[in-house]
Amino acid sequence: FGFPSGFYRYTAPVNPMERGRLRDGGVLE
C-alpha cells in the first residue's frame, strides 16, 4: 500500500498443470 509494488512470477519445480497442485521449492522472479 505505502510503497512501490511489483509483478512476480513463480516457477514451481513441477508443472502444476500436470501435477494438479502447487509445489514449493521453485524460483521467484
Full PDB file with SEQRES, HELIX, SHEET, SSBOND, CRYST1, ORIGX, SCALE, CONECT and MASTER records, all heavy atoms in Angstrom:
SEQRES   1 A   29  PHE GLY PHE PRO SER GLY PHE TYR ARG TYR THR ALA PRO          
SEQRES   2 A   29  VAL ASN PRO MET GLU ARG GLY ARG LEU ARG ASP GLY GLY          
SEQRES   3 A   29  VAL LEU GLU                                                  
HELIX    1 AA1 PRO A   16  ARG A   19  1                                   4    
SHEET    1 AA1 2 TYR A  10  THR A  11  0                                        
SHEET    2 AA1 2 VAL A  27  LEU A  28 -1                                        
CRYST1    1.000    1.000    1.000  90.00  90.00  90.00 P 1           1          
ORIGX1      1.000000  0.000000  0.000000        0.00000                         
ORIGX2      0.000000  1.000000  0.000000        0.00000                         
ORIGX3      0.000000  0.000000  1.000000        0.00000                         
SCALE1      1.000000  0.000000  0.000000        0.00000                         
SCALE2      0.000000  1.000000  0.000000        0.00000                         
SCALE3      0.000000  0.000000  1.000000        0.00000                         
ATOM      1  N   PHE A   1       0.791  -1.226   0.000  1.00  0.00           N  
ATOM      2  CA  PHE A   1       0.000   0.000   0.000  1.00  0.00           C  
ATOM      3  C   PHE A   1       0.829   1.286   0.000  1.00  0.00           C  
ATOM      4  O   PHE A   1       0.594   2.177  -0.804  1.00  0.00           O  
ATOM      5  CB  PHE A   1      -0.953  -0.001   1.200  1.00  0.00           C  
ATOM      6  CG  PHE A   1      -1.858   1.193   1.252  1.00  0.00           C  
ATOM      7  CD1 PHE A   1      -3.016   1.229   0.493  1.00  0.00           C  
ATOM      8  CD2 PHE A   1      -1.545   2.281   2.039  1.00  0.00           C  
ATOM      9  CE1 PHE A   1      -3.845   2.333   0.530  1.00  0.00           C  
ATOM     10  CE2 PHE A   1      -2.370   3.393   2.081  1.00  0.00           C  
ATOM     11  CZ  PHE A   1      -3.521   3.414   1.330  1.00  0.00           C  
ATOM     12  N   GLY A   2       1.788   1.406   0.894  1.00  0.00           N  
ATOM     13  CA  GLY A   2       2.512   2.661   1.019  1.00  0.00           C  
ATOM     14  C   GLY A   2       3.819   2.741   0.257  1.00  0.00           C  
ATOM     15  O   GLY A   2       4.516   3.754   0.348  1.00  0.00           O  
ATOM     16  N   PHE A   3       4.135   1.695  -0.514  1.00  0.00           N  
ATOM     17  CA  PHE A   3       5.454   1.609  -1.148  1.00  0.00           C  
ATOM     18  C   PHE A   3       5.308   1.064  -2.571  1.00  0.00           C  
ATOM     19  O   PHE A   3       4.253   0.570  -2.950  1.00  0.00           O  
ATOM     20  CB  PHE A   3       6.372   0.697  -0.327  1.00  0.00           C  
ATOM     21  CG  PHE A   3       6.452   1.089   1.124  1.00  0.00           C  
ATOM     22  CD1 PHE A   3       5.692   0.428   2.078  1.00  0.00           C  
ATOM     23  CD2 PHE A   3       7.254   2.146   1.517  1.00  0.00           C  
ATOM     24  CE1 PHE A   3       5.750   0.801   3.412  1.00  0.00           C  
ATOM     25  CE2 PHE A   3       7.325   2.525   2.854  1.00  0.00           C  
ATOM     26  CZ  PHE A   3       6.566   1.848   3.803  1.00  0.00           C  
ATOM     27  N   PRO A   4       6.387   1.118  -3.380  1.00  0.00           N  
ATOM     28  CA  PRO A   4       6.303   0.540  -4.724  1.00  0.00           C  
ATOM     29  C   PRO A   4       5.942  -0.943  -4.669  1.00  0.00           C  
ATOM     30  O   PRO A   4       6.375  -1.678  -3.781  1.00  0.00           O  
ATOM     31  CB  PRO A   4       7.722   0.736  -5.269  1.00  0.00           C  
ATOM     32  CG  PRO A   4       8.266   1.901  -4.515  1.00  0.00           C  
ATOM     33  CD  PRO A   4       7.686   1.789  -3.138  1.00  0.00           C  
ATOM     34  N   SER A   5       5.133  -1.364  -5.622  1.00  0.00           N  
ATOM     35  CA  SER A   5       4.725  -2.763  -5.731  1.00  0.00           C  
ATOM     36  C   SER A   5       5.333  -3.376  -6.975  1.00  0.00           C  
ATOM     37  O   SER A   5       5.692  -2.668  -7.924  1.00  0.00           O  
ATOM     38  CB  SER A   5       3.197  -2.877  -5.796  1.00  0.00           C  
ATOM     39  OG  SER A   5       2.606  -2.462  -4.576  1.00  0.00           O  
ATOM     40  N   GLY A   6       5.405  -4.713  -6.975  1.00  0.00           N  
ATOM     41  CA  GLY A   6       5.988  -5.418  -8.104  1.00  0.00           C  
ATOM     42  C   GLY A   6       5.045  -6.450  -8.693  1.00  0.00           C  
ATOM     43  O   GLY A   6       4.037  -6.827  -8.086  1.00  0.00           O  
ATOM     44  N   PHE A   7       5.404  -6.919  -9.894  1.00  0.00           N  
ATOM     45  CA  PHE A   7       4.704  -8.003 -10.569  1.00  0.00           C  
ATOM     46  C   PHE A   7       5.676  -9.177 -10.627  1.00  0.00           C  
ATOM     47  O   PHE A   7       6.823  -9.024 -11.066  1.00  0.00           O  
ATOM     48  CB  PHE A   7       4.274  -7.581 -11.968  1.00  0.00           C  
ATOM     49  CG  PHE A   7       3.470  -8.613 -12.703  1.00  0.00           C  
ATOM     50  CD1 PHE A   7       2.337  -9.185 -12.146  1.00  0.00           C  
ATOM     51  CD2 PHE A   7       3.837  -9.010 -13.988  1.00  0.00           C  
ATOM     52  CE1 PHE A   7       1.593 -10.126 -12.822  1.00  0.00           C  
ATOM     53  CE2 PHE A   7       3.088  -9.959 -14.681  1.00  0.00           C  
ATOM     54  CZ  PHE A   7       1.965 -10.513 -14.092  1.00  0.00           C  
ATOM     55  N   TYR A   8       5.225 -10.358 -10.187  1.00  0.00           N  
ATOM     56  CA  TYR A   8       6.108 -11.505  -9.981  1.00  0.00           C  
ATOM     57  C   TYR A   8       5.656 -12.725 -10.778  1.00  0.00           C  
ATOM     58  O   TYR A   8       4.490 -12.819 -11.183  1.00  0.00           O  
ATOM     59  CB  TYR A   8       6.118 -11.904  -8.498  1.00  0.00           C  
ATOM     60  CG  TYR A   8       6.588 -10.836  -7.547  1.00  0.00           C  
ATOM     61  CD1 TYR A   8       5.719  -9.831  -7.114  1.00  0.00           C  
ATOM     62  CD2 TYR A   8       7.897 -10.823  -7.071  1.00  0.00           C  
ATOM     63  CE1 TYR A   8       6.145  -8.853  -6.220  1.00  0.00           C  
ATOM     64  CE2 TYR A   8       8.333  -9.849  -6.181  1.00  0.00           C  
ATOM     65  CZ  TYR A   8       7.452  -8.864  -5.765  1.00  0.00           C  
ATOM     66  OH  TYR A   8       7.874  -7.900  -4.884  1.00  0.00           O  
ATOM     67  N   ARG A   9       6.596 -13.661 -10.945  1.00  0.00           N  
ATOM     68  CA  ARG A   9       6.216 -14.976 -11.448  1.00  0.00           C  
ATOM     69  C   ARG A   9       6.947 -16.038 -10.624  1.00  0.00           C  
ATOM     70  O   ARG A   9       8.088 -15.836 -10.182  1.00  0.00           O  
ATOM     71  CB  ARG A   9       6.530 -15.127 -12.929  1.00  0.00           C  
ATOM     72  CG  ARG A   9       7.999 -15.203 -13.297  1.00  0.00           C  
ATOM     73  CD  ARG A   9       8.178 -15.343 -14.813  1.00  0.00           C  
ATOM     74  NE  ARG A   9       9.591 -15.515 -15.169  1.00  0.00           N  
ATOM     75  CZ  ARG A   9      10.040 -15.560 -16.428  1.00  0.00           C  
ATOM     76  NH1 ARG A   9       9.183 -15.434 -17.439  1.00  0.00           N  
ATOM     77  NH2 ARG A   9      11.323 -15.728 -16.676  1.00  0.00           N  
ATOM     78  N   TYR A  10       6.237 -17.148 -10.414  1.00  0.00           N  
ATOM     79  CA  TYR A  10       6.789 -18.255  -9.644  1.00  0.00           C  
ATOM     80  C   TYR A  10       6.767 -19.500 -10.513  1.00  0.00           C  
ATOM     81  O   TYR A  10       5.707 -19.913 -11.000  1.00  0.00           O  
ATOM     82  CB  TYR A  10       5.965 -18.486  -8.376  1.00  0.00           C  
ATOM     83  CG  TYR A  10       6.345 -19.754  -7.632  1.00  0.00           C  
ATOM     84  CD1 TYR A  10       7.573 -19.849  -6.980  1.00  0.00           C  
ATOM     85  CD2 TYR A  10       5.498 -20.854  -7.603  1.00  0.00           C  
ATOM     86  CE1 TYR A  10       7.945 -21.004  -6.305  1.00  0.00           C  
ATOM     87  CE2 TYR A  10       5.849 -22.016  -6.931  1.00  0.00           C  
ATOM     88  CZ  TYR A  10       7.068 -22.086  -6.286  1.00  0.00           C  
ATOM     89  OH  TYR A  10       7.423 -23.240  -5.629  1.00  0.00           O  
ATOM     90  N   THR A  11       7.944 -20.079 -10.718  1.00  0.00           N  
ATOM     91  CA  THR A  11       8.067 -21.307 -11.497  1.00  0.00           C  
ATOM     92  C   THR A  11       8.297 -22.457 -10.524  1.00  0.00           C  
ATOM     93  O   THR A  11       9.343 -22.546  -9.879  1.00  0.00           O  
ATOM     94  CB  THR A  11       9.233 -21.214 -12.499  1.00  0.00           C  
ATOM     95  OG1 THR A  11       9.061 -20.052 -13.320  1.00  0.00           O  
ATOM     96  CG2 THR A  11       9.278 -22.452 -13.376  1.00  0.00           C  
ATOM     97  N   ALA A  12       7.285 -23.314 -10.387  1.00  0.00           N  
ATOM     98  CA  ALA A  12       7.361 -24.431  -9.444  1.00  0.00           C  
ATOM     99  C   ALA A  12       8.312 -25.497  -9.962  1.00  0.00           C  
ATOM    100  O   ALA A  12       8.573 -25.591 -11.171  1.00  0.00           O  
ATOM    101  CB  ALA A  12       5.964 -25.020  -9.230  1.00  0.00           C  
ATOM    102  N   PRO A  13       8.834 -26.347  -9.067  1.00  0.00           N  
ATOM    103  CA  PRO A  13       9.759 -27.399  -9.514  1.00  0.00           C  
ATOM    104  C   PRO A  13       9.087 -28.456 -10.379  1.00  0.00           C  
ATOM    105  O   PRO A  13       9.767 -29.147 -11.139  1.00  0.00           O  
ATOM    106  CB  PRO A  13      10.274 -27.999  -8.199  1.00  0.00           C  
ATOM    107  CG  PRO A  13       9.263 -27.629  -7.176  1.00  0.00           C  
ATOM    108  CD  PRO A  13       8.699 -26.318  -7.604  1.00  0.00           C  
ATOM    109  N   VAL A  14       7.762 -28.585 -10.271  1.00  0.00           N  
ATOM    110  CA  VAL A  14       6.986 -29.493 -11.113  1.00  0.00           C  
ATOM    111  C   VAL A  14       5.790 -28.708 -11.659  1.00  0.00           C  
ATOM    112  O   VAL A  14       5.132 -27.972 -10.917  1.00  0.00           O  
ATOM    113  CB  VAL A  14       6.483 -30.723 -10.320  1.00  0.00           C  
ATOM    114  CG1 VAL A  14       5.638 -31.631 -11.211  1.00  0.00           C  
ATOM    115  CG2 VAL A  14       7.660 -31.499  -9.732  1.00  0.00           C  
ATOM    116  N   ASN A  15       5.523 -28.845 -12.942  1.00  0.00           N  
ATOM    117  CA  ASN A  15       4.431 -28.111 -13.574  1.00  0.00           C  
ATOM    118  C   ASN A  15       3.104 -28.451 -12.893  1.00  0.00           C  
ATOM    119  O   ASN A  15       2.661 -29.605 -12.930  1.00  0.00           O  
ATOM    120  CB  ASN A  15       4.364 -28.472 -15.063  1.00  0.00           C  
ATOM    121  CG  ASN A  15       3.387 -27.602 -15.827  1.00  0.00           C  
ATOM    122  OD1 ASN A  15       2.410 -27.096 -15.289  1.00  0.00           O  
ATOM    123  ND2 ASN A  15       3.651 -27.432 -17.120  1.00  0.00           N  
ATOM    124  N   PRO A  16       2.432 -27.474 -12.270  1.00  0.00           N  
ATOM    125  CA  PRO A  16       1.176 -27.783 -11.575  1.00  0.00           C  
ATOM    126  C   PRO A  16       0.043 -28.189 -12.506  1.00  0.00           C  
ATOM    127  O   PRO A  16      -0.907 -28.857 -12.078  1.00  0.00           O  
ATOM    128  CB  PRO A  16       0.857 -26.482 -10.833  1.00  0.00           C  
ATOM    129  CG  PRO A  16       1.547 -25.415 -11.625  1.00  0.00           C  
ATOM    130  CD  PRO A  16       2.793 -26.058 -12.138  1.00  0.00           C  
ATOM    131  N   MET A  17       0.125 -27.818 -13.786  1.00  0.00           N  
ATOM    132  CA  MET A  17      -0.898 -28.237 -14.744  1.00  0.00           C  
ATOM    133  C   MET A  17      -0.832 -29.744 -14.975  1.00  0.00           C  
ATOM    134  O   MET A  17      -1.835 -30.371 -15.313  1.00  0.00           O  
ATOM    135  CB  MET A  17      -0.727 -27.490 -16.061  1.00  0.00           C  
ATOM    136  CG  MET A  17      -0.939 -25.986 -15.956  1.00  0.00           C  
ATOM    137  SD  MET A  17      -2.626 -25.535 -15.448  1.00  0.00           S  
ATOM    138  CE  MET A  17      -3.577 -26.149 -16.845  1.00  0.00           C  
ATOM    139  N   GLU A  18       0.339 -30.319 -14.791  1.00  0.00           N  
ATOM    140  CA  GLU A  18       0.498 -31.765 -14.929  1.00  0.00           C  
ATOM    141  C   GLU A  18       0.279 -32.485 -13.597  1.00  0.00           C  
ATOM    142  O   GLU A  18      -0.299 -33.561 -13.560  1.00  0.00           O  
ATOM    143  CB  GLU A  18       1.897 -32.074 -15.462  1.00  0.00           C  
ATOM    144  CG  GLU A  18       2.174 -31.468 -16.833  1.00  0.00           C  
ATOM    145  CD  GLU A  18       3.625 -31.609 -17.257  1.00  0.00           C  
ATOM    146  OE1 GLU A  18       4.423 -32.167 -16.463  1.00  0.00           O  
ATOM    147  OE2 GLU A  18       3.973 -31.136 -18.356  1.00  0.00           O  
ATOM    148  N   ARG A  19       0.709 -31.860 -12.514  1.00  0.00           N  
ATOM    149  CA  ARG A  19       0.625 -32.490 -11.206  1.00  0.00           C  
ATOM    150  C   ARG A  19      -0.744 -32.299 -10.551  1.00  0.00           C  
ATOM    151  O   ARG A  19      -1.172 -33.102  -9.736  1.00  0.00           O  
ATOM    152  CB  ARG A  19       1.724 -31.924 -10.302  1.00  0.00           C  
ATOM    153  CG  ARG A  19       1.803 -32.579  -8.931  1.00  0.00           C  
ATOM    154  CD  ARG A  19       2.934 -31.972  -8.117  1.00  0.00           C  
ATOM    155  NE  ARG A  19       3.004 -32.527  -6.778  1.00  0.00           N  
ATOM    156  CZ  ARG A  19       3.657 -33.623  -6.458  1.00  0.00           C  
ATOM    157  NH1 ARG A  19       4.306 -34.294  -7.402  1.00  0.00           N  
ATOM    158  NH2 ARG A  19       3.673 -34.069  -5.214  1.00  0.00           N  
ATOM    159  N   GLY A  20      -1.426 -31.192 -10.873  1.00  0.00           N  
ATOM    160  CA  GLY A  20      -2.719 -30.910 -10.273  1.00  0.00           C  
ATOM    161  C   GLY A  20      -2.629 -30.287  -8.900  1.00  0.00           C  
ATOM    162  O   GLY A  20      -3.601 -30.271  -8.146  1.00  0.00           O  
ATOM    163  N   ARG A  21      -1.497 -29.718  -8.543  1.00  0.00           N  
ATOM    164  CA  ARG A  21      -1.307 -28.985  -7.296  1.00  0.00           C  
ATOM    165  C   ARG A  21       0.000 -28.213  -7.378  1.00  0.00           C  
ATOM    166  O   ARG A  21       0.865 -28.497  -8.216  1.00  0.00           O  
ATOM    167  CB  ARG A  21      -1.272 -29.918  -6.077  1.00  0.00           C  
ATOM    168  CG  ARG A  21      -0.156 -30.932  -6.080  1.00  0.00           C  
ATOM    169  CD  ARG A  21      -0.236 -31.844  -4.873  1.00  0.00           C  
ATOM    170  NE  ARG A  21       0.165 -31.163  -3.648  1.00  0.00           N  
ATOM    171  CZ  ARG A  21       1.388 -31.229  -3.129  1.00  0.00           C  
ATOM    172  NH1 ARG A  21       2.335 -31.949  -3.744  1.00  0.00           N  
ATOM    173  NH2 ARG A  21       1.691 -30.594  -2.023  1.00  0.00           N  
ATOM    174  N   LEU A  22       0.142 -27.217  -6.502  1.00  0.00           N  
ATOM    175  CA  LEU A  22       1.360 -26.418  -6.452  1.00  0.00           C  
ATOM    176  C   LEU A  22       2.380 -27.063  -5.529  1.00  0.00           C  
ATOM    177  O   LEU A  22       2.018 -27.634  -4.496  1.00  0.00           O  
ATOM    178  CB  LEU A  22       1.042 -25.015  -5.920  1.00  0.00           C  
ATOM    179  CG  LEU A  22       0.368 -24.033  -6.870  1.00  0.00           C  
ATOM    180  CD1 LEU A  22       0.007 -22.759  -6.112  1.00  0.00           C  
ATOM    181  CD2 LEU A  22       1.288 -23.695  -8.040  1.00  0.00           C  
ATOM    182  N   ARG A  23       3.639 -26.943  -5.897  1.00  0.00           N  
ATOM    183  CA  ARG A  23       4.715 -27.405  -5.026  1.00  0.00           C  
ATOM    184  C   ARG A  23       5.636 -26.241  -4.687  1.00  0.00           C  
ATOM    185  O   ARG A  23       5.843 -25.327  -5.498  1.00  0.00           O  
ATOM    186  CB  ARG A  23       5.529 -28.514  -5.694  1.00  0.00           C  
ATOM    187  CG  ARG A  23       4.886 -29.892  -5.612  1.00  0.00           C  
ATOM    188  CD  ARG A  23       5.836 -30.967  -6.091  1.00  0.00           C  
ATOM    189  NE  ARG A  23       7.097 -30.948  -5.331  1.00  0.00           N  
ATOM    190  CZ  ARG A  23       8.137 -31.731  -5.621  1.00  0.00           C  
ATOM    191  NH1 ARG A  23       8.062 -32.583  -6.637  1.00  0.00           N  
ATOM    192  NH2 ARG A  23       9.236 -31.673  -4.901  1.00  0.00           N  
ATOM    193  N   ASP A  24       6.189 -26.294  -3.477  1.00  0.00           N  
ATOM    194  CA  ASP A  24       7.153 -25.303  -3.038  1.00  0.00           C  
ATOM    195  C   ASP A  24       8.530 -25.643  -3.620  1.00  0.00           C  
ATOM    196  O   ASP A  24       8.721 -26.693  -4.231  1.00  0.00           O  
ATOM    197  CB  ASP A  24       7.192 -25.285  -1.509  1.00  0.00           C  
ATOM    198  CG  ASP A  24       7.734 -23.985  -0.948  1.00  0.00           C  
ATOM    199  OD1 ASP A  24       8.124 -23.102  -1.733  1.00  0.00           O  
ATOM    200  OD2 ASP A  24       7.767 -23.856   0.295  1.00  0.00           O  
ATOM    201  N   GLY A  25       9.490 -24.737  -3.408  1.00  0.00           N  
ATOM    202  CA  GLY A  25      10.854 -25.007  -3.825  1.00  0.00           C  
ATOM    203  C   GLY A  25      11.219 -24.471  -5.188  1.00  0.00           C  
ATOM    204  O   GLY A  25      12.306 -24.770  -5.705  1.00  0.00           O  
ATOM    205  N   GLY A  26      10.335 -23.666  -5.788  1.00  0.00           N  
ATOM    206  CA  GLY A  26      10.606 -23.135  -7.113  1.00  0.00           C  
ATOM    207  C   GLY A  26      11.346 -21.806  -7.079  1.00  0.00           C  
ATOM    208  O   GLY A  26      11.953 -21.431  -6.072  1.00  0.00           O  
ATOM    209  N   VAL A  27      11.270 -21.070  -8.192  1.00  0.00           N  
ATOM    210  CA  VAL A  27      12.016 -19.830  -8.389  1.00  0.00           C  
ATOM    211  C   VAL A  27      11.045 -18.664  -8.492  1.00  0.00           C  
ATOM    212  O   VAL A  27      10.055 -18.726  -9.231  1.00  0.00           O  
ATOM    213  CB  VAL A  27      12.883 -19.907  -9.660  1.00  0.00           C  
ATOM    214  CG1 VAL A  27      13.547 -18.567  -9.954  1.00  0.00           C  
ATOM    215  CG2 VAL A  27      13.942 -20.997  -9.512  1.00  0.00           C  
ATOM    216  N   LEU A  28      11.324 -17.587  -7.739  1.00  0.00           N  
ATOM    217  CA  LEU A  28      10.533 -16.361  -7.790  1.00  0.00           C  
ATOM    218  C   LEU A  28      11.322 -15.280  -8.522  1.00  0.00           C  
ATOM    219  O   LEU A  28      12.505 -15.075  -8.252  1.00  0.00           O  
ATOM    220  CB  LEU A  28      10.194 -15.894  -6.371  1.00  0.00           C  
ATOM    221  CG  LEU A  28       9.321 -14.633  -6.275  1.00  0.00           C  
ATOM    222  CD1 LEU A  28       7.912 -14.917  -6.777  1.00  0.00           C  
ATOM    223  CD2 LEU A  28       9.277 -14.114  -4.833  1.00  0.00           C  
ATOM    224  N   GLU A  29      10.631 -14.602  -9.442  1.00  0.00           N  
ATOM    225  CA  GLU A  29      11.241 -13.510 -10.201  1.00  0.00           C  
ATOM    226  C   GLU A  29      10.302 -12.309 -10.219  1.00  0.00           C  
ATOM    227  O   GLU A  29       9.108 -12.433  -9.998  1.00  0.00           O  
ATOM    228  CB  GLU A  29      11.539 -13.954 -11.629  1.00  0.00           C  
ATOM    229  CG  GLU A  29      12.524 -15.121 -11.734  1.00  0.00           C  
ATOM    230  CD  GLU A  29      12.553 -15.696 -13.129  1.00  0.00           C  
ATOM    231  OE1 GLU A  29      11.542 -16.311 -13.524  1.00  0.00           O  
ATOM    232  OE2 GLU A  29      13.591 -15.537 -13.805  1.00  0.00           O  
TER     233      GLU A  29                                                      
MASTER        0    0    0    1    2    0    0    6  232    1    0    3          
END                                                                             
